[in-house]
């Protein structure tokens, strides 16, 4: 069987994600945020790396404003690694309040306070696509794969955030791809944690 082409799959799933618009999108985001809120409470997540939506990703502005813990936003470093900088949950993704953007036009925190990945409880990771086994397809630069590969000791959870329409039966997986622990969508939460071998 031929391995699906990641680039072609990425384009198709990005188009699917962007096609969800208007009131349907708003309803999907509200349902997704409610599920994320319940999961965060159940797992006692306090220090969370979130993201500012880009390219049709689900916006989490409502959840950010209600989160009672700390929010850390990823900042893209010149060597294609991610650093996590503190952000005020009330203004984290406001272009007016957070004028710093990276080379892709994604909002980043300008706060100098920084935390390593192992000092976080969880990373909320935007996805292009995912499957029920916890495999994820990102935008292709590998930022999150490199970050997740640095987890050790008390490992923060990797929580994918996507619309249900972005799920596929299975994704092609490369050796460097880092799996997710959970996926939160507008229709449910997938617990994809793998049991130890």
C-alpha atoms as a PDB file:
ATOM      1  CA  UNK A   1       0.000   0.000   0.000  1.00  0.00           C
ATOM      2  CA  UNK A   2       1.313   3.456  -0.890  1.00  0.00           C
ATOM      3  CA  UNK A   3       1.967   5.907   1.925  1.00  0.00           C
ATOM      4  CA  UNK A   4      -0.297   8.980   1.554  1.00  0.00           C
ATOM      5  CA  UNK A   5       1.517  12.148   0.503  1.00  0.00           C
ATOM      6  CA  UNK A   6       1.729  14.453   3.545  1.00  0.00           C
ATOM      7  CA  UNK A   7       1.810  17.623   1.428  1.00  0.00           C
ATOM      8  CA  UNK A   8      -1.350  16.705  -0.509  1.00  0.00           C
ATOM      9  CA  UNK A   9      -3.108  15.613   2.670  1.00  0.00           C
ATOM     10  CA  UNK A  10      -2.056  18.828   4.406  1.00  0.00           C
ATOM     11  CA  UNK A  11      -3.531  20.948   1.592  1.00  0.00           C
ATOM     12  CA  UNK A  12      -6.821  19.023   1.599  1.00  0.00           C
ATOM     13  CA  UNK A  13      -7.203  19.217   5.388  1.00  0.00           C
ATOM     14  CA  UNK A  14      -6.298  22.913   5.539  1.00  0.00           C
ATOM     15  CA  UNK A  15      -9.016  23.578   2.952  1.00  0.00           C
ATOM     16  CA  UNK A  16     -11.475  21.513   5.012  1.00  0.00           C
ATOM     17  CA  UNK A  17     -10.578  23.468   8.166  1.00  0.00           C
ATOM     18  CA  UNK A  18     -10.937  26.847   6.423  1.00  0.00           C
ATOM     19  CA  UNK A  19     -14.278  25.846   4.869  1.00  0.00           C
ATOM     20  CA  UNK A  20     -15.896  25.698   8.305  1.00  0.00           C
ATOM     21  CA  UNK A  21     -17.200  29.229   8.656  1.00  0.00           C
ATOM     22  CA  UNK A  22     -19.894  31.510   9.960  1.00  0.00           C
ATOM     23  CA  UNK A  23     -22.282  30.383  12.668  1.00  0.00           C
ATOM     24  CA  UNK A  24     -21.263  26.716  12.265  1.00  0.00           C
ATOM     25  CA  UNK A  25     -17.678  27.641  13.096  1.00  0.00           C
ATOM     26  CA  UNK A  26     -18.707  29.735  16.091  1.00  0.00           C
ATOM     27  CA  UNK A  27     -20.813  26.859  17.461  1.00  0.00           C
ATOM     28  CA  UNK A  28     -17.973  24.371  16.871  1.00  0.00           C
ATOM     29  CA  UNK A  29     -15.510  26.619  18.744  1.00  0.00           C
ATOM     30  CA  UNK A  30     -17.904  26.993  21.694  1.00  0.00           C
ATOM     31  CA  UNK A  31     -18.349  23.205  21.931  1.00  0.00           C
ATOM     32  CA  UNK A  32     -14.588  22.663  21.609  1.00  0.00           C
ATOM     33  CA  UNK A  33     -13.818  25.229  24.318  1.00  0.00           C
ATOM     34  CA  UNK A  34     -16.357  23.624  26.686  1.00  0.00           C
ATOM     35  CA  UNK A  35     -14.700  20.216  26.217  1.00  0.00           C
ATOM     36  CA  UNK A  36     -11.248  21.739  26.690  1.00  0.00           C
ATOM     37  CA  UNK A  37     -12.425  23.464  29.880  1.00  0.00           C
ATOM     38  CA  UNK A  38     -13.719  20.181  31.343  1.00  0.00           C
ATOM     39  CA  UNK A  39     -10.505  18.336  30.405  1.00  0.00           C
ATOM     40  CA  UNK A  40      -8.293  21.076  31.874  1.00  0.00           C
ATOM     41  CA  UNK A  41     -10.246  20.929  35.156  1.00  0.00           C
ATOM     42  CA  UNK A  42     -10.159  17.121  35.293  1.00  0.00           C
ATOM     43  CA  UNK A  43      -6.389  17.067  34.675  1.00  0.00           C
ATOM     44  CA  UNK A  44      -5.739  20.084  36.969  1.00  0.00           C
ATOM     45  CA  UNK A  45      -3.867  21.945  34.245  1.00  0.00           C
ATOM     46  CA  UNK A  46      -2.396  25.204  35.554  1.00  0.00           C
ATOM     47  CA  UNK A  47       0.616  26.181  33.404  1.00  0.00           C
ATOM     48  CA  UNK A  48      -0.530  25.714  29.812  1.00  0.00           C
ATOM     49  CA  UNK A  49       1.162  26.574  26.535  1.00  0.00           C
ATOM     50  CA  UNK A  50      -1.602  27.764  24.223  1.00  0.00           C
ATOM     51  CA  UNK A  51      -1.505  29.266  20.723  1.00  0.00           C
ATOM     52  CA  UNK A  52      -2.983  32.164  18.792  1.00  0.00           C
ATOM     53  CA  UNK A  53      -5.080  30.901  15.893  1.00  0.00           C
ATOM     54  CA  UNK A  54      -3.723  31.152  12.358  1.00  0.00           C
ATOM     55  CA  UNK A  55      -4.801  29.806   8.954  1.00  0.00           C
ATOM     56  CA  UNK A  56      -8.261  28.649  10.055  1.00  0.00           C
ATOM     57  CA  UNK A  57      -7.190  27.024  13.347  1.00  0.00           C
ATOM     58  CA  UNK A  58      -9.805  27.010  16.141  1.00  0.00           C
ATOM     59  CA  UNK A  59      -9.617  30.235  18.150  1.00  0.00           C
ATOM     60  CA  UNK A  60      -9.330  29.694  21.895  1.00  0.00           C
ATOM     61  CA  UNK A  61      -9.860  33.299  23.025  1.00  0.00           C
ATOM     62  CA  UNK A  62     -12.899  32.451  25.184  1.00  0.00           C
ATOM     63  CA  UNK A  63     -11.103  29.559  26.890  1.00  0.00           C
ATOM     64  CA  UNK A  64      -7.990  31.676  27.459  1.00  0.00           C
ATOM     65  CA  UNK A  65     -10.032  34.336  29.241  1.00  0.00           C
ATOM     66  CA  UNK A  66     -11.653  31.756  31.543  1.00  0.00           C
ATOM     67  CA  UNK A  67      -8.493  29.747  32.309  1.00  0.00           C
ATOM     68  CA  UNK A  68      -7.491  30.250  35.954  1.00  0.00           C
ATOM     69  CA  UNK A  69      -3.850  29.261  35.500  1.00  0.00           C
ATOM     70  CA  UNK A  70      -0.870  30.615  33.608  1.00  0.00           C
ATOM     71  CA  UNK A  71      -0.738  30.930  29.829  1.00  0.00           C
ATOM     72  CA  UNK A  72       2.483  30.613  27.851  1.00  0.00           C
ATOM     73  CA  UNK A  73       2.648  31.291  24.113  1.00  0.00           C
ATOM     74  CA  UNK A  74       5.182  29.729  21.757  1.00  0.00           C
ATOM     75  CA  UNK A  75       7.791  31.972  20.212  1.00  0.00           C
ATOM     76  CA  UNK A  76       9.648  30.735  17.117  1.00  0.00           C
ATOM     77  CA  UNK A  77      13.410  31.000  17.572  1.00  0.00           C
ATOM     78  CA  UNK A  78      15.877  31.463  14.689  1.00  0.00           C
ATOM     79  CA  UNK A  79      16.974  27.806  14.954  1.00  0.00           C
ATOM     80  CA  UNK A  80      13.354  26.588  14.448  1.00  0.00           C
ATOM     81  CA  UNK A  81      12.876  25.681  18.105  1.00  0.00           C
ATOM     82  CA  UNK A  82      10.051  26.998  20.288  1.00  0.00           C
ATOM     83  CA  UNK A  83      10.413  29.043  23.464  1.00  0.00           C
ATOM     84  CA  UNK A  84       7.372  29.550  25.701  1.00  0.00           C
ATOM     85  CA  UNK A  85       6.747  33.110  26.945  1.00  0.00           C
ATOM     86  CA  UNK A  86       4.234  34.262  29.524  1.00  0.00           C
ATOM     87  CA  UNK A  87       1.018  35.910  28.308  1.00  0.00           C
ATOM     88  CA  UNK A  88      -1.944  37.544  30.025  1.00  0.00           C
ATOM     89  CA  UNK A  89      -4.942  35.226  29.403  1.00  0.00           C
ATOM     90  CA  UNK A  90      -7.245  38.224  28.885  1.00  0.00           C
ATOM     91  CA  UNK A  91      -5.189  39.730  26.067  1.00  0.00           C
ATOM     92  CA  UNK A  92      -3.035  36.809  24.864  1.00  0.00           C
ATOM     93  CA  UNK A  93      -4.211  36.782  21.253  1.00  0.00           C
ATOM     94  CA  UNK A  94      -5.203  40.424  20.793  1.00  0.00           C
ATOM     95  CA  UNK A  95      -3.272  42.047  17.942  1.00  0.00           C
ATOM     96  CA  UNK A  96      -3.786  45.402  19.636  1.00  0.00           C
ATOM     97  CA  UNK A  97      -2.366  44.274  22.976  1.00  0.00           C
ATOM     98  CA  UNK A  98       0.206  41.778  21.661  1.00  0.00           C
ATOM     99  CA  UNK A  99       1.732  43.471  18.600  1.00  0.00           C
ATOM    100  CA  UNK A 100       4.642  41.028  18.294  1.00  0.00           C
ATOM    101  CA  UNK A 101       4.268  38.579  15.400  1.00  0.00           C
ATOM    102  CA  UNK A 102       6.705  36.039  14.002  1.00  0.00           C
ATOM    103  CA  UNK A 103       7.851  35.580  10.399  1.00  0.00           C
ATOM    104  CA  UNK A 104       4.601  33.707   9.621  1.00  0.00           C
ATOM    105  CA  UNK A 105       2.385  36.505  10.965  1.00  0.00           C
ATOM    106  CA  UNK A 106       1.396  34.532  14.090  1.00  0.00           C
ATOM    107  CA  UNK A 107       0.972  36.511  17.327  1.00  0.00           C
ATOM    108  CA  UNK A 108       3.664  35.878  19.939  1.00  0.00           C
ATOM    109  CA  UNK A 109       4.111  37.139  23.484  1.00  0.00           C
ATOM    110  CA  UNK A 110       6.561  40.002  23.988  1.00  0.00           C
ATOM    111  CA  UNK A 111       6.813  39.222  27.719  1.00  0.00           C
ATOM    112  CA  UNK A 112      10.445  38.356  28.614  1.00  0.00           C
ATOM    113  CA  UNK A 113       9.384  35.688  31.156  1.00  0.00           C
ATOM    114  CA  UNK A 114      10.133  32.297  29.679  1.00  0.00           C
ATOM    115  CA  UNK A 115       9.458  28.712  30.776  1.00  0.00           C
ATOM    116  CA  UNK A 116      10.961  25.467  29.529  1.00  0.00           C
ATOM    117  CA  UNK A 117       8.679  22.774  28.177  1.00  0.00           C
ATOM    118  CA  UNK A 118       9.157  20.551  31.233  1.00  0.00           C
ATOM    119  CA  UNK A 119       7.842  23.355  33.472  1.00  0.00           C
ATOM    120  CA  UNK A 120       4.449  23.202  31.735  1.00  0.00           C
ATOM    121  CA  UNK A 121       1.469  20.992  32.534  1.00  0.00           C
ATOM    122  CA  UNK A 122       0.319  20.792  28.918  1.00  0.00           C
ATOM    123  CA  UNK A 123       0.790  22.127  25.415  1.00  0.00           C
ATOM    124  CA  UNK A 124      -2.311  22.941  23.371  1.00  0.00           C
ATOM    125  CA  UNK A 125      -1.231  22.190  19.825  1.00  0.00           C
ATOM    126  CA  UNK A 126      -3.106  23.320  16.706  1.00  0.00           C
ATOM    127  CA  UNK A 127      -3.418  20.591  14.089  1.00  0.00           C
ATOM    128  CA  UNK A 128      -3.922  20.317  10.364  1.00  0.00           C
ATOM    129  CA  UNK A 129      -5.023  16.701  10.767  1.00  0.00           C
ATOM    130  CA  UNK A 130      -5.127  13.892  13.312  1.00  0.00           C
ATOM    131  CA  UNK A 131      -6.175  10.279  13.765  1.00  0.00           C
ATOM    132  CA  UNK A 132      -7.628   8.400  16.739  1.00  0.00           C
ATOM    133  CA  UNK A 133      -4.205   6.919  17.549  1.00  0.00           C
ATOM    134  CA  UNK A 134      -2.864  10.368  18.482  1.00  0.00           C
ATOM    135  CA  UNK A 135      -0.854  10.956  15.329  1.00  0.00           C
ATOM    136  CA  UNK A 136      -0.851  14.557  14.189  1.00  0.00           C
ATOM    137  CA  UNK A 137      -0.203  16.422  10.984  1.00  0.00           C
ATOM    138  CA  UNK A 138       1.053  19.966  11.467  1.00  0.00           C
ATOM    139  CA  UNK A 139       1.973  22.721   9.044  1.00  0.00           C
ATOM    140  CA  UNK A 140       5.219  20.958   8.144  1.00  0.00           C
ATOM    141  CA  UNK A 141       8.007  22.926   9.839  1.00  0.00           C
ATOM    142  CA  UNK A 142       8.350  20.489  12.777  1.00  0.00           C
ATOM    143  CA  UNK A 143       8.290  23.120  15.555  1.00  0.00           C
ATOM    144  CA  UNK A 144       6.104  21.086  17.895  1.00  0.00           C
ATOM    145  CA  UNK A 145       7.844  17.792  17.101  1.00  0.00           C
ATOM    146  CA  UNK A 146      11.175  19.317  18.129  1.00  0.00           C
ATOM    147  CA  UNK A 147       9.632  20.807  21.278  1.00  0.00           C
ATOM    148  CA  UNK A 148       7.887  17.579  22.295  1.00  0.00           C
ATOM    149  CA  UNK A 149      11.075  15.582  21.769  1.00  0.00           C
ATOM    150  CA  UNK A 150      12.601  17.645  24.619  1.00  0.00           C
ATOM    151  CA  UNK A 151      10.101  16.351  27.194  1.00  0.00           C
ATOM    152  CA  UNK A 152      11.592  14.292  29.998  1.00  0.00           C
ATOM    153  CA  UNK A 153      10.886  13.539  33.637  1.00  0.00           C
ATOM    154  CA  UNK A 154       7.525  15.070  34.469  1.00  0.00           C
ATOM    155  CA  UNK A 155       6.291  15.209  30.908  1.00  0.00           C
ATOM    156  CA  UNK A 156       3.742  17.869  29.970  1.00  0.00           C
ATOM    157  CA  UNK A 157       0.729  16.530  28.121  1.00  0.00           C
ATOM    158  CA  UNK A 158       0.472  17.074  24.369  1.00  0.00           C
ATOM    159  CA  UNK A 159      -3.136  18.053  23.649  1.00  0.00           C
ATOM    160  CA  UNK A 160      -4.135  18.506  20.035  1.00  0.00           C
ATOM    161  CA  UNK A 161      -6.864  21.037  19.254  1.00  0.00           C
ATOM    162  CA  UNK A 162      -8.836  20.709  16.025  1.00  0.00           C
ATOM    163  CA  UNK A 163     -12.258  20.600  14.452  1.00  0.00           C
ATOM    164  CA  UNK A 164     -13.760  17.119  14.085  1.00  0.00           C
ATOM    165  CA  UNK A 165     -13.733  17.545  10.285  1.00  0.00           C
ATOM    166  CA  UNK A 166      -9.910  17.344  10.412  1.00  0.00           C
ATOM    167  CA  UNK A 167      -9.875  13.710  11.573  1.00  0.00           C
ATOM    168  CA  UNK A 168      -8.699  11.012   9.159  1.00  0.00           C
ATOM    169  CA  UNK A 169      -8.603   7.214   9.551  1.00  0.00           C
ATOM    170  CA  UNK A 170      -4.808   7.131   9.714  1.00  0.00           C
ATOM    171  CA  UNK A 171      -1.891   9.437   9.069  1.00  0.00           C
ATOM    172  CA  UNK A 172       1.524   8.689   7.609  1.00  0.00           C
ATOM    173  CA  UNK A 173       4.020   8.707  10.499  1.00  0.00           C
ATOM    174  CA  UNK A 174       7.737   9.491  10.292  1.00  0.00           C
ATOM    175  CA  UNK A 175      10.264   8.480  12.986  1.00  0.00           C
ATOM    176  CA  UNK A 176      10.545  12.076  14.283  1.00  0.00           C
ATOM    177  CA  UNK A 177       6.777  12.610  14.604  1.00  0.00           C
ATOM    178  CA  UNK A 178       5.704  13.043  18.228  1.00  0.00           C
ATOM    179  CA  UNK A 179       2.302  11.593  19.225  1.00  0.00           C
ATOM    180  CA  UNK A 180      -0.417  13.381  21.137  1.00  0.00           C
ATOM    181  CA  UNK A 181      -1.841  12.362  24.513  1.00  0.00           C
ATOM    182  CA  UNK A 182      -5.293  13.818  23.825  1.00  0.00           C
ATOM    183  CA  UNK A 183      -7.181  15.448  20.964  1.00  0.00           C
ATOM    184  CA  UNK A 184      -9.971  17.907  21.789  1.00  0.00           C
ATOM    185  CA  UNK A 185     -12.532  18.655  19.084  1.00  0.00           C
ATOM    186  CA  UNK A 186     -16.002  20.118  18.831  1.00  0.00           C
ATOM    187  CA  UNK A 187     -17.511  16.613  18.997  1.00  0.00           C
ATOM    188  CA  UNK A 188     -15.424  14.943  21.698  1.00  0.00           C
ATOM    189  CA  UNK A 189     -12.128  14.236  23.441  1.00  0.00           C
ATOM    190  CA  UNK A 190      -9.882  11.409  22.277  1.00  0.00           C
ATOM    191  CA  UNK A 191      -7.572   9.874  24.878  1.00  0.00           C
ATOM    192  CA  UNK A 192      -4.713   8.667  22.671  1.00  0.00           C
ATOM    193  CA  UNK A 193      -2.158   7.947  25.398  1.00  0.00           C
ATOM    194  CA  UNK A 194      -0.089   4.917  24.636  1.00  0.00           C
ATOM    195  CA  UNK A 195       0.479   2.259  27.229  1.00  0.00           C
ATOM    196  CA  UNK A 196       4.133   1.451  27.947  1.00  0.00           C
ATOM    197  CA  UNK A 197       5.595  -1.341  25.815  1.00  0.00           C
END
